[in-house]
Protein backbone atom coordinates (compact mmCIF):
# COMPACT_ATOMS: atom_id res chain seq x y z
CA MET A 1 118.32 129.35 143.13
CA PRO A 2 121.19 129.25 145.68
CA ASN A 3 120.83 126.84 148.57
CA PHE A 4 121.91 128.69 151.73
CA ASN A 5 122.37 126.61 154.85
CA ILE A 6 120.94 128.99 157.47
CA ASN A 7 122.26 128.17 160.92
CA TRP A 8 120.04 129.90 163.50
CA GLU A 9 122.44 128.92 166.29
CA GLY A 10 125.62 130.47 164.90
CA VAL A 11 126.60 134.08 164.46
CA HIS A 12 128.25 133.81 161.02
CA SER A 13 125.89 132.33 158.44
CA PRO A 14 125.07 133.48 154.92
CA PRO A 15 122.16 135.89 154.48
CA SER A 16 118.75 134.39 153.91
CA ILE A 17 117.24 134.85 150.47
CA MET A 18 113.80 134.92 152.10
CA LYS A 19 111.95 138.16 152.79
CA GLY A 20 113.42 139.57 155.99
CA HIS A 21 116.75 140.69 157.36
CA MET A 22 120.25 139.33 157.69
CA LYS A 23 121.64 138.23 161.02
CA GLU A 24 122.92 141.17 163.02
CA ILE A 25 124.69 141.84 166.27
CA GLU A 26 122.66 144.05 168.63
CA ILE A 27 124.64 146.03 171.20
CA GLU A 28 122.49 147.87 173.72
CA LYS A 29 122.13 149.15 177.25
CA LYS A 30 118.82 149.17 179.11
CA PHE A 31 117.72 151.48 181.90
CA LEU A 32 114.77 151.29 184.25
CA LEU A 33 112.97 154.64 184.08
CA THR A 34 110.83 156.35 186.63
CA GLN A 35 107.33 157.28 185.48
CA ASP A 36 108.29 160.97 185.42
CA LYS A 37 111.49 160.40 183.40
CA ALA A 38 109.60 158.21 180.90
CA LYS A 39 106.93 160.91 180.44
CA GLU A 40 109.62 163.55 179.96
CA LEU A 41 111.38 161.52 177.24
CA ILE A 42 108.25 160.75 175.19
CA ILE A 43 106.67 164.21 175.02
CA GLY A 44 105.39 164.75 171.46
CA VAL A 45 106.37 161.24 170.25
CA GLU A 46 103.78 158.90 168.73
CA PRO A 47 103.71 155.40 170.24
CA ILE A 48 104.01 152.18 168.27
CA GLY A 49 101.87 149.45 169.84
CA MET A 50 103.71 146.14 170.13
CA ILE A 51 102.98 142.68 171.40
CA ASP A 52 105.66 140.02 171.65
CA TYR A 53 105.07 136.29 172.04
CA TYR A 54 107.97 134.13 173.22
CA VAL A 55 108.24 130.48 172.27
CA PRO A 56 109.16 128.28 175.26
CA ASN A 57 112.33 126.28 174.57
CA GLY A 58 113.11 124.58 177.88
CA GLN A 59 116.03 126.96 178.45
CA PRO A 60 116.38 129.77 181.01
CA HIS A 61 116.35 132.34 178.19
CA MET A 62 113.66 132.10 175.49
CA GLN A 63 115.26 132.97 172.16
CA LEU A 64 112.42 132.93 169.65
CA ARG A 65 110.06 135.92 169.52
CA LEU A 66 106.99 136.57 167.38
CA ARG A 67 106.25 140.30 167.19
CA LYS A 68 103.33 142.44 166.07
CA ASN A 69 104.80 145.90 165.57
CA GLY A 70 102.02 148.26 164.53
CA ASN A 71 100.79 146.56 161.35
CA LYS A 72 104.04 144.64 160.72
CA TYR A 73 104.85 141.11 161.81
CA CYS A 74 108.13 139.24 162.26
CA ILE A 75 109.83 136.32 163.91
CA THR A 76 113.21 136.92 165.58
CA ARG A 77 115.80 134.69 167.22
CA LYS A 78 117.93 136.54 169.77
CA ILE A 79 120.87 134.73 171.31
CA PRO A 80 122.78 136.38 174.17
CA LEU A 81 126.52 136.49 173.47
CA GLU A 82 127.65 138.60 176.43
CA THR A 83 126.18 141.33 178.62
CA GLY A 84 124.41 143.80 176.33
CA VAL A 85 125.33 141.92 173.14
CA MET A 86 122.93 139.66 171.22
CA SER A 87 122.99 137.83 167.93
CA GLU A 88 119.72 138.71 166.23
CA GLN A 89 118.12 137.25 163.12
CA THR A 90 114.73 138.50 161.90
CA LEU A 91 112.35 137.28 159.24
CA ASP A 92 109.30 139.30 158.17
CA ILE A 93 106.06 137.31 158.12
CA ASN A 94 102.47 138.20 157.26
CA LYS A 95 99.47 138.57 159.59
CA THR A 96 98.07 135.12 158.74
CA GLU A 97 101.40 133.44 159.53
CA PHE A 98 101.71 135.43 162.75
CA GLU A 99 98.22 134.51 163.95
CA TYR A 100 98.79 130.85 163.15
CA LEU A 101 102.17 130.74 164.91
CA ILE A 102 101.01 132.43 168.14
CA THR A 103 98.18 129.92 168.62
CA GLY A 104 98.59 128.38 172.04
CA ILE A 105 101.53 130.56 173.12
CA GLN A 106 100.82 132.04 176.53
CA THR A 107 104.13 133.82 177.12
CA SER A 108 103.62 137.37 175.88
CA VAL A 109 104.28 140.98 176.74
CA ALA A 110 102.59 144.16 175.46
CA LYS A 111 104.09 147.63 175.30
CA ASP A 112 104.07 150.97 173.56
CA ARG A 113 107.41 151.91 172.02
CA TYR A 114 108.48 155.49 171.52
CA LYS A 115 111.44 156.18 169.21
CA THR A 116 113.11 159.43 170.17
CA LYS A 117 116.43 161.17 170.76
CA TRP A 118 118.24 161.72 174.05
CA HIS A 119 121.60 163.51 174.29
CA GLY A 120 121.99 163.11 170.52
CA LEU A 121 121.44 159.34 170.63
CA ASN A 122 118.61 157.40 169.02
CA VAL A 123 116.76 155.70 171.87
CA GLU A 124 113.61 153.67 172.41
CA VAL A 125 111.37 154.08 175.42
CA ASP A 126 109.16 151.08 176.15
CA ILE A 127 106.08 151.69 178.31
CA TYR A 128 104.75 148.27 179.29
CA LYS A 129 101.03 147.52 179.44
CA GLY A 130 98.75 144.98 181.06
CA ARG A 131 100.26 142.98 183.91
CA HIS A 132 103.56 144.86 183.47
CA GLU A 133 102.00 148.32 183.69
CA GLY A 134 104.33 150.71 185.51
CA LEU A 135 107.48 149.20 183.98
CA ASN A 136 109.29 151.73 181.78
CA VAL A 137 112.55 150.87 180.02
CA LEU A 138 114.94 152.98 177.96
CA GLU A 139 117.02 151.13 175.36
CA ILE A 140 120.11 152.67 173.79
CA GLU A 141 121.56 150.79 170.84
CA PHE A 142 125.22 151.26 169.96
CA SER A 143 126.92 150.74 166.60
CA ASN A 144 129.97 149.11 168.18
CA LYS A 145 131.25 147.58 171.42
CA GLU A 146 133.67 150.45 172.06
CA MET A 147 130.79 152.96 172.25
CA PHE A 148 128.92 150.56 174.57
CA ASP A 149 131.96 150.17 176.86
CA ASN A 150 132.68 153.92 176.96
CA PHE A 151 129.08 155.08 177.50
CA GLN A 152 128.73 157.25 180.59
CA ASP A 153 125.36 157.00 182.33
CA LYS A 154 123.76 160.46 182.17
CA LEU A 155 120.36 159.39 183.48
CA GLU A 156 120.01 160.71 186.99
CA GLY A 157 117.81 158.56 189.18
CA CYS A 158 117.55 155.75 186.62
CA THR A 159 118.94 152.26 187.02
CA ASP A 160 121.13 150.39 184.52
CA ILE A 161 119.44 146.99 184.05
CA THR A 162 121.61 145.79 181.15
CA GLY A 163 122.08 142.04 181.47
CA ILE A 164 119.73 141.61 184.45
CA GLU A 165 117.77 138.52 183.42
CA LYS A 166 114.53 139.37 185.24
CA TYR A 167 114.15 142.42 182.95
CA ALA A 168 114.72 140.44 179.72
CA ALA A 169 111.51 140.59 177.71
CA GLY A 170 111.37 136.79 177.44
CA LYS A 171 111.47 136.56 181.24
CA LEU A 172 108.80 139.26 181.60
CA ALA A 173 106.60 137.25 179.23
CA GLU A 174 106.64 134.36 181.72
CA VAL A 175 105.32 136.37 184.67
């Protein structure tokens, strides 16, 4: 069996042979949505219930997330590279592993995610629950940096929050 040296800190490491995904670059913009705009975007779309737990690391930005996504579980390390660009590495885990790993973690956030289309783009609308109720965020993921840089905001009355740390999910999990 090959012995891959997986470097969670770097961007360019060989793929893991474990069950999960390779490291990827995520390029996205985030927008704060009004309640009305969020409702408009999710008409007829089934929600996916999610809860994310963030592992404290002594840094301003928590990088390690444990996620329950419907009936799927994973652990992800997200490292900010620049505004709107993250290195992301995900490993699928099972329910028993998830429940063991979240023991004692108090930094979490719950939301319903709606995957839909808007102006021909695949988007995700996150409707936060619990102590974050009333927070609604639209995420648009781009396949390359050029599309990200050239994107024209077509959301009237919505605020671009890309790169604003207080809206990062790891920060929300702390409050």
